[in-house]
């Protein structure tokens, strides 16, 4: 990497899309190849192991040329037979919920206020009523920075299965957790786990990744109207040949190969530890500055995402004004999302960022806050 490349990296802290290393961007300039040939299979074979390591699974991790929303819809079409319980605590968990009726299935909502997490005991109480064959949940909602207690929620789903005798699949949006936290797909018994390329994996937008449990595939096989583009049965069959069901976004696959090489060199656990260090530094800064400037972290302690932080502002400050002032200095963060647009700002400390880069951002933010 040249000095120029280095100086241009480290000033873009959106909670997605995140900043992409210059060498990963350069990988996308490679020439086109036939996407059904041996060269393409070799590329996908190369990323197979690293993706399973990131997802903490022995199952294949499918690569789809779409946004993560595509695999969210695929999760519904393949995993919900009739009726789902959707856990909502922010804008993106609401989107997951809204996809259920859009796909012709019934849905009930277990909702808590934005900024709060779901309670496993309350989830079990909802499921005891019976009649659910799936649960949708967002592990880390980008609008709030809350990290749901996914392991405990998964245990509640399994307890409900034992009590009701019904098979209940757990469908998980890990868009801002996978790659920045250890999301244990196999150990926690997740039935479908998905993420997007543009968050903690630090790739350009346009790819989505998903892994399905054996019983998720059996459920998909039992649903005749599961669609075509995100048919998980077809994804499974094609991945056995290290191919994709549909024409892949080849240039993004080149970037994926380069970034998976970099992630493999860093190590998944080391990458997660780096994310945790940045998150704790950000929370520490907010707590220190909070007494003087009226700032606070929206998510409660112990339930905070390691990849991004939503910071509540005092009433005299507005999120868009703060982000605009930082933008004039050449730094990018996000205002709040949806109904939190004015009252919060959001810092994405994920992907390939470092503690030193985050420290430099926080110095600038201190000056902007005055």
Protein backbone atom coordinates (compact mmCIF):
# COMPACT_ATOMS: atom_id res chain seq x y z
CA UNK A 1 0.00 0.00 0.00
CA UNK A 2 1.30 3.49 -0.83
CA UNK A 3 1.48 6.36 1.65
CA UNK A 4 -1.30 8.05 -0.32
CA UNK A 5 -3.55 5.01 0.07
CA UNK A 6 -2.85 4.94 3.81
CA UNK A 7 -3.65 8.63 4.30
CA UNK A 8 -6.96 8.26 2.50
CA UNK A 9 -8.18 5.48 4.78
CA UNK A 10 -9.60 5.93 8.27
CA UNK A 11 -12.02 8.87 8.10
CA UNK A 12 -15.25 7.13 7.11
CA UNK A 13 -17.16 5.81 10.14
CA UNK A 14 -20.70 5.14 8.96
CA UNK A 15 -22.40 2.12 10.57
CA UNK A 16 -22.51 0.74 7.04
CA UNK A 17 -21.40 0.85 4.38
CA UNK A 18 -18.06 0.84 6.11
CA UNK A 19 -14.71 1.87 4.67
CA UNK A 20 -12.99 -0.57 2.30
CA UNK A 21 -9.24 -1.04 2.10
CA UNK A 22 -7.65 0.18 -1.15
CA UNK A 23 -6.21 -3.24 -1.95
CA UNK A 24 -9.70 -4.77 -1.67
CA UNK A 25 -11.09 -2.15 -4.04
CA UNK A 26 -8.25 -2.75 -6.47
CA UNK A 27 -9.07 -6.47 -6.58
CA UNK A 28 -12.33 -5.59 -8.36
CA UNK A 29 -10.41 -4.40 -11.45
CA UNK A 30 -9.46 -7.95 -12.47
CA UNK A 31 -10.79 -9.06 -15.87
CA UNK A 32 -14.00 -10.98 -16.38
CA UNK A 33 -14.05 -14.78 -16.50
CA UNK A 34 -16.76 -17.31 -17.27
CA UNK A 35 -18.80 -17.65 -14.11
CA UNK A 36 -19.64 -21.32 -14.74
CA UNK A 37 -16.10 -22.48 -15.26
CA UNK A 38 -13.35 -23.95 -13.12
CA UNK A 39 -11.85 -20.53 -12.36
CA UNK A 40 -15.06 -19.38 -10.70
CA UNK A 41 -15.34 -22.57 -8.67
CA UNK A 42 -11.75 -22.08 -7.52
CA UNK A 43 -12.55 -18.58 -6.28
CA UNK A 44 -15.57 -19.74 -4.30
CA UNK A 45 -13.68 -22.74 -2.96
CA UNK A 46 -11.03 -20.34 -1.66
CA UNK A 47 -13.54 -18.37 0.42
CA UNK A 48 -15.47 -21.41 1.65
CA UNK A 49 -13.35 -22.13 4.73
CA UNK A 50 -12.87 -18.49 5.84
CA UNK A 51 -16.62 -17.82 5.57
CA UNK A 52 -17.43 -20.87 7.71
CA UNK A 53 -14.90 -19.62 10.27
CA UNK A 54 -16.57 -16.20 10.39
CA UNK A 55 -20.03 -17.78 10.76
CA UNK A 56 -18.72 -20.27 13.35
CA UNK A 57 -20.28 -23.18 11.50
CA UNK A 58 -19.44 -26.39 9.69
CA UNK A 59 -22.27 -25.67 7.25
CA UNK A 60 -21.74 -24.03 3.84
CA UNK A 61 -22.06 -20.25 3.76
CA UNK A 62 -23.93 -19.25 0.59
CA UNK A 63 -22.89 -16.17 -1.40
CA UNK A 64 -25.76 -14.22 -2.95
CA UNK A 65 -25.50 -11.23 -5.27
CA UNK A 66 -27.94 -8.99 -3.43
CA UNK A 67 -28.30 -6.82 -0.38
CA UNK A 68 -28.90 -8.54 2.95
CA UNK A 69 -32.61 -7.76 2.56
CA UNK A 70 -32.69 -10.37 -0.19
CA UNK A 71 -31.62 -13.12 2.18
CA UNK A 72 -33.99 -11.78 4.83
CA UNK A 73 -36.80 -12.41 2.35
CA UNK A 74 -35.22 -15.76 1.50
CA UNK A 75 -35.27 -16.67 5.19
CA UNK A 76 -39.02 -16.04 5.29
CA UNK A 77 -39.84 -17.83 2.05
CA UNK A 78 -37.77 -20.88 2.97
CA UNK A 79 -38.20 -20.94 6.74
CA UNK A 80 -41.75 -19.85 7.61
CA UNK A 81 -44.42 -22.37 6.78
CA UNK A 82 -47.44 -20.46 8.11
CA UNK A 83 -46.86 -18.13 11.08
CA UNK A 84 -43.85 -16.39 12.62
CA UNK A 85 -43.17 -14.45 15.80
CA UNK A 86 -41.05 -11.39 15.00
CA UNK A 87 -38.92 -9.66 17.60
CA UNK A 88 -38.88 -5.90 17.00
CA UNK A 89 -36.74 -3.32 18.82
CA UNK A 90 -35.60 -1.02 16.01
CA UNK A 91 -36.00 -0.09 12.37
CA UNK A 92 -34.33 -3.14 10.85
CA UNK A 93 -36.06 -5.71 13.03
CA UNK A 94 -39.30 -4.02 11.95
CA UNK A 95 -38.23 -4.50 8.33
CA UNK A 96 -37.64 -8.21 8.99
CA UNK A 97 -41.12 -8.43 10.56
CA UNK A 98 -42.76 -6.62 7.64
CA UNK A 99 -41.32 -9.11 5.17
CA UNK A 100 -43.36 -11.92 6.73
CA UNK A 101 -46.82 -10.74 5.54
CA UNK A 102 -45.24 -9.48 2.32
CA UNK A 103 -44.31 -13.12 1.65
CA UNK A 104 -47.86 -14.30 2.38
CA UNK A 105 -47.29 -15.63 5.91
CA UNK A 106 -48.91 -14.64 9.18
CA UNK A 107 -46.95 -12.69 11.79
CA UNK A 108 -47.23 -11.70 15.43
CA UNK A 109 -44.92 -9.12 16.99
CA UNK A 110 -43.06 -9.14 20.28
CA UNK A 111 -41.96 -5.51 20.46
CA UNK A 112 -39.91 -3.54 22.98
CA UNK A 113 -38.95 0.17 22.84
CA UNK A 114 -36.07 1.25 20.61
CA UNK A 115 -32.92 1.12 22.72
CA UNK A 116 -33.98 -1.99 24.65
CA UNK A 117 -33.28 -5.69 24.11
CA UNK A 118 -35.67 -8.63 24.11
CA UNK A 119 -36.12 -10.75 27.22
CA UNK A 120 -35.70 -14.52 26.77
CA UNK A 121 -38.34 -15.27 29.41
CA UNK A 122 -40.86 -13.04 27.66
CA UNK A 123 -40.03 -14.69 24.34
CA UNK A 124 -40.74 -18.09 25.88
CA UNK A 125 -44.05 -16.80 27.22
CA UNK A 126 -45.10 -15.68 23.72
CA UNK A 127 -44.08 -18.99 22.16
CA UNK A 128 -45.93 -21.05 24.76
CA UNK A 129 -49.18 -19.84 23.20
CA UNK A 130 -48.34 -22.13 20.29
CA UNK A 131 -48.96 -21.84 16.59
CA UNK A 132 -45.56 -20.47 15.59
CA UNK A 133 -43.18 -22.29 13.26
CA UNK A 134 -40.45 -19.61 13.14
CA UNK A 135 -38.96 -16.65 15.00
CA UNK A 136 -37.25 -13.69 13.34
CA UNK A 137 -34.71 -11.63 15.27
CA UNK A 138 -32.08 -9.00 14.53
CA UNK A 139 -28.98 -9.65 16.61
CA UNK A 140 -27.59 -6.10 16.37
CA UNK A 141 -30.01 -3.44 15.14
CA UNK A 142 -28.15 -0.69 13.25
CA UNK A 143 -30.68 1.95 14.25
CA UNK A 144 -30.05 1.61 18.00
CA UNK A 145 -26.73 -0.14 18.64
CA UNK A 146 -28.49 -2.71 20.85
CA UNK A 147 -27.08 -6.25 20.85
CA UNK A 148 -29.84 -8.75 21.56
CA UNK A 149 -28.90 -11.65 23.92
CA UNK A 150 -29.01 -14.08 21.02
CA UNK A 151 -27.66 -17.12 22.82
CA UNK A 152 -30.30 -16.82 25.56
CA UNK A 153 -33.04 -16.10 23.03
CA UNK A 154 -32.05 -19.25 21.13
CA UNK A 155 -32.28 -21.27 24.33
CA UNK A 156 -35.78 -19.86 24.90
CA UNK A 157 -36.83 -21.00 21.41
CA UNK A 158 -35.53 -24.51 22.07
CA UNK A 159 -37.34 -24.59 25.43
CA UNK A 160 -40.56 -23.62 23.64
CA UNK A 161 -40.06 -26.44 21.15
CA UNK A 162 -39.77 -28.94 23.98
CA UNK A 163 -42.86 -27.59 25.74
CA UNK A 164 -45.12 -27.22 22.69
CA UNK A 165 -43.83 -30.13 20.62
CA UNK A 166 -43.66 -27.80 17.60
CA UNK A 167 -40.61 -27.22 15.40
CA UNK A 168 -39.71 -23.51 15.62
CA UNK A 169 -36.92 -22.28 13.38
CA UNK A 170 -34.76 -19.35 14.52
CA UNK A 171 -34.01 -16.94 11.66
CA UNK A 172 -31.29 -14.41 12.51
CA UNK A 173 -30.25 -11.15 10.89
CA UNK A 174 -26.58 -10.82 11.84
CA UNK A 175 -25.87 -7.91 9.50
CA UNK A 176 -23.98 -5.79 12.03
CA UNK A 177 -22.71 -8.58 14.23
CA UNK A 178 -21.23 -11.31 12.01
CA UNK A 179 -17.55 -10.55 11.51
CA UNK A 180 -17.41 -8.14 14.43
CA UNK A 181 -18.64 -10.48 17.16
CA UNK A 182 -18.48 -14.23 17.69
CA UNK A 183 -21.91 -15.31 16.48
CA UNK A 184 -21.90 -19.04 17.19
CA UNK A 185 -24.24 -20.46 14.59
CA UNK A 186 -23.67 -24.13 15.41
CA UNK A 187 -23.18 -23.87 19.16
CA UNK A 188 -26.27 -21.71 19.67
CA UNK A 189 -28.46 -23.74 17.33
CA UNK A 190 -29.33 -20.98 14.84
CA UNK A 191 -31.33 -22.22 11.87
CA UNK A 192 -30.52 -19.41 9.45
CA UNK A 193 -27.90 -16.70 9.88
CA UNK A 194 -27.32 -13.93 7.35
CA UNK A 195 -25.18 -10.87 6.91
CA UNK A 196 -24.25 -8.31 4.25
CA UNK A 197 -20.90 -7.49 2.72
CA UNK A 198 -20.82 -3.80 3.63
CA UNK A 199 -20.65 -4.00 7.43
CA UNK A 200 -18.08 -5.76 9.65
CA UNK A 201 -16.69 -7.74 6.70
CA UNK A 202 -15.56 -4.39 5.20
CA UNK A 203 -16.50 -5.11 1.60
CA UNK A 204 -18.42 -2.96 -0.89
CA UNK A 205 -22.21 -3.34 -0.81
CA UNK A 206 -23.81 -5.91 -3.08
CA UNK A 207 -23.16 -9.34 -1.59
CA UNK A 208 -25.12 -11.21 1.08
CA UNK A 209 -24.06 -14.32 2.96
CA UNK A 210 -26.23 -16.93 4.64
CA UNK A 211 -25.91 -20.32 6.30
CA UNK A 212 -28.76 -22.78 6.84
CA UNK A 213 -29.07 -25.61 9.35
CA UNK A 214 -30.08 -29.08 8.08
CA UNK A 215 -33.57 -28.63 9.47
CA UNK A 216 -33.85 -25.24 7.71
CA UNK A 217 -33.16 -27.06 4.45
CA UNK A 218 -35.74 -29.72 5.29
CA UNK A 219 -38.26 -26.97 5.98
CA UNK A 220 -37.41 -25.33 2.65
CA UNK A 221 -37.94 -28.60 0.81
CA UNK A 222 -41.41 -28.83 2.34
CA UNK A 223 -42.48 -25.38 1.08
CA UNK A 224 -43.39 -25.46 -2.63
CA UNK A 225 -43.83 -21.66 -3.03
CA UNK A 226 -40.42 -20.58 -1.72
CA UNK A 227 -39.50 -18.47 -4.73
CA UNK A 228 -36.64 -18.92 -7.14
CA UNK A 229 -33.86 -16.35 -6.66
CA UNK A 230 -33.35 -17.20 -2.97
CA UNK A 231 -34.26 -20.89 -3.06
CA UNK A 232 -31.98 -22.31 -0.36
CA UNK A 233 -32.32 -25.85 -1.69
CA UNK A 234 -30.79 -24.65 -4.94
CA UNK A 235 -28.10 -22.67 -3.11
CA UNK A 236 -27.14 -25.82 -1.23
CA UNK A 237 -26.97 -27.90 -4.41
CA UNK A 238 -24.88 -25.34 -6.26
CA UNK A 239 -22.51 -24.71 -3.36
CA UNK A 240 -21.59 -28.39 -3.36
CA UNK A 241 -19.96 -27.55 -6.72
CA UNK A 242 -18.71 -24.17 -5.46
CA UNK A 243 -21.11 -22.39 -7.74
CA UNK A 244 -24.01 -19.99 -7.26
CA UNK A 245 -27.57 -20.51 -8.54
CA UNK A 246 -27.59 -17.18 -10.38
CA UNK A 247 -25.03 -15.03 -12.18
CA UNK A 248 -22.67 -13.76 -9.45
CA UNK A 249 -21.37 -10.21 -9.09
CA UNK A 250 -17.93 -11.28 -10.26
CA UNK A 251 -16.03 -8.09 -9.41
CA UNK A 252 -17.37 -8.26 -5.86
CA UNK A 253 -16.29 -11.91 -5.67
CA UNK A 254 -12.75 -10.78 -6.47
CA UNK A 255 -12.97 -8.33 -3.57
CA UNK A 256 -14.36 -11.08 -1.35
CA UNK A 257 -11.41 -13.36 -2.09
CA UNK A 258 -8.94 -10.61 -1.18
CA UNK A 259 -10.77 -9.65 2.01
CA UNK A 260 -11.19 -13.23 3.18
CA UNK A 261 -7.43 -13.63 2.74
CA UNK A 262 -6.90 -10.60 4.96
CA UNK A 263 -9.41 -11.83 7.58
CA UNK A 264 -7.78 -15.25 7.62
CA UNK A 265 -4.38 -13.62 8.24
CA UNK A 266 -5.74 -11.49 11.09
CA UNK A 267 -7.73 -14.35 12.61
CA UNK A 268 -11.44 -14.26 13.46
CA UNK A 269 -10.87 -14.06 17.23
CA UNK A 270 -8.31 -11.26 16.84
CA UNK A 271 -10.68 -9.38 14.56
CA UNK A 272 -13.46 -9.67 17.14
CA UNK A 273 -11.11 -8.51 19.90
CA UNK A 274 -10.21 -5.43 17.83
CA UNK A 275 -13.88 -4.60 17.40
CA UNK A 276 -14.43 -4.98 21.14
CA UNK A 277 -11.50 -2.69 21.91
CA UNK A 278 -12.88 0.02 19.62
CA UNK A 279 -16.37 -0.33 21.08
CA UNK A 280 -15.15 -0.04 24.66
CA UNK A 281 -13.08 3.00 23.73
CA UNK A 282 -16.14 4.65 22.21
CA UNK A 283 -18.33 3.88 25.25
CA UNK A 284 -15.60 5.14 27.59
CA UNK A 285 -15.38 8.38 25.62
CA UNK A 286 -19.15 8.90 25.76
CA UNK A 287 -19.20 8.29 29.51
CA UNK A 288 -16.33 10.74 30.02
CA UNK A 289 -17.82 13.40 27.78
CA UNK A 290 -21.36 12.76 28.95
CA UNK A 291 -20.93 14.60 32.22
CA UNK A 292 -19.69 17.71 30.40
CA UNK A 293 -21.73 17.61 27.21
CA UNK A 294 -24.90 15.70 28.08
CA UNK A 295 -24.11 12.64 25.97
CA UNK A 296 -25.11 9.03 26.65
CA UNK A 297 -25.04 5.64 24.94
CA UNK A 298 -28.53 4.64 23.83
CA UNK A 299 -28.06 0.89 24.38
CA UNK A 300 -27.92 -0.35 28.00
CA UNK A 301 -24.63 -1.56 29.41
CA UNK A 302 -24.05 -5.24 28.70
CA UNK A 303 -26.31 -5.14 25.62
CA UNK A 304 -24.24 -2.95 23.30
CA UNK A 305 -23.12 -3.85 19.81
CA UNK A 306 -19.36 -4.10 19.31
CA UNK A 307 -19.63 -2.72 15.78
CA UNK A 308 -21.45 0.60 16.19
CA UNK A 309 -22.68 2.97 18.88
CA UNK A 310 -25.78 5.19 18.91
CA UNK A 311 -25.07 8.28 21.05
CA UNK A 312 -27.93 10.31 22.51
CA UNK A 313 -27.39 14.05 22.13
CA UNK A 314 -28.51 16.87 24.45
CA UNK A 315 -31.62 18.70 23.28
CA UNK A 316 -29.76 21.70 21.85
CA UNK A 317 -27.85 19.51 19.38
CA UNK A 318 -29.29 17.77 16.32
CA UNK A 319 -27.77 14.71 14.67
CA UNK A 320 -27.70 16.06 11.09
CA UNK A 321 -25.96 19.26 12.20
CA UNK A 322 -23.26 17.35 14.06
CA UNK A 323 -22.61 15.03 11.11
CA UNK A 324 -22.52 17.96 8.69
CA UNK A 325 -19.97 19.80 10.84
CA UNK A 326 -17.78 16.70 10.93
CA UNK A 327 -18.19 16.33 7.18
CA UNK A 328 -16.75 19.79 6.66
CA UNK A 329 -13.63 18.54 8.42
CA UNK A 330 -13.43 15.48 6.16
CA UNK A 331 -14.88 12.93 8.60
CA UNK A 332 -18.03 10.86 8.16
CA UNK A 333 -20.38 9.47 10.79
CA UNK A 334 -24.16 8.97 10.68
CA UNK A 335 -27.06 10.85 12.17
CA UNK A 336 -29.73 8.80 13.90
CA UNK A 337 -32.01 6.50 11.93
CA UNK A 338 -35.76 6.92 11.55
CA UNK A 339 -37.37 8.48 14.60
CA UNK A 340 -33.93 8.85 16.20
CA UNK A 341 -32.59 11.00 13.36
CA UNK A 342 -32.36 14.27 15.31
CA UNK A 343 -31.73 12.93 18.80
CA UNK A 344 -28.74 10.65 18.12
CA UNK A 345 -25.58 10.21 16.13
CA UNK A 346 -24.10 6.83 15.20
CA UNK A 347 -20.45 5.83 14.93
CA UNK A 348 -19.56 2.67 13.03
CA UNK A 349 -16.40 1.25 14.60
CA UNK A 350 -16.27 -1.86 12.47
CA UNK A 351 -14.56 -3.52 9.56
CA UNK A 352 -10.89 -2.69 9.16
CA UNK A 353 -10.79 0.40 11.37
CA UNK A 354 -8.33 0.60 14.26
CA UNK A 355 -8.33 2.09 17.76
CA UNK A 356 -5.93 4.83 16.60
CA UNK A 357 -8.28 5.87 13.78
CA UNK A 358 -11.23 5.94 16.17
CA UNK A 359 -9.24 8.09 18.63
CA UNK A 360 -8.55 10.58 15.84
CA UNK A 361 -12.27 10.73 15.02
CA UNK A 362 -13.20 11.33 18.65
CA UNK A 363 -10.77 14.26 18.87
CA UNK A 364 -12.54 15.84 15.88
CA UNK A 365 -15.94 15.12 17.40
CA UNK A 366 -14.94 16.81 20.66
CA UNK A 367 -14.06 19.97 18.74
CA UNK A 368 -17.31 19.89 16.77
CA UNK A 369 -19.35 19.49 19.97
CA UNK A 370 -17.53 22.53 21.33
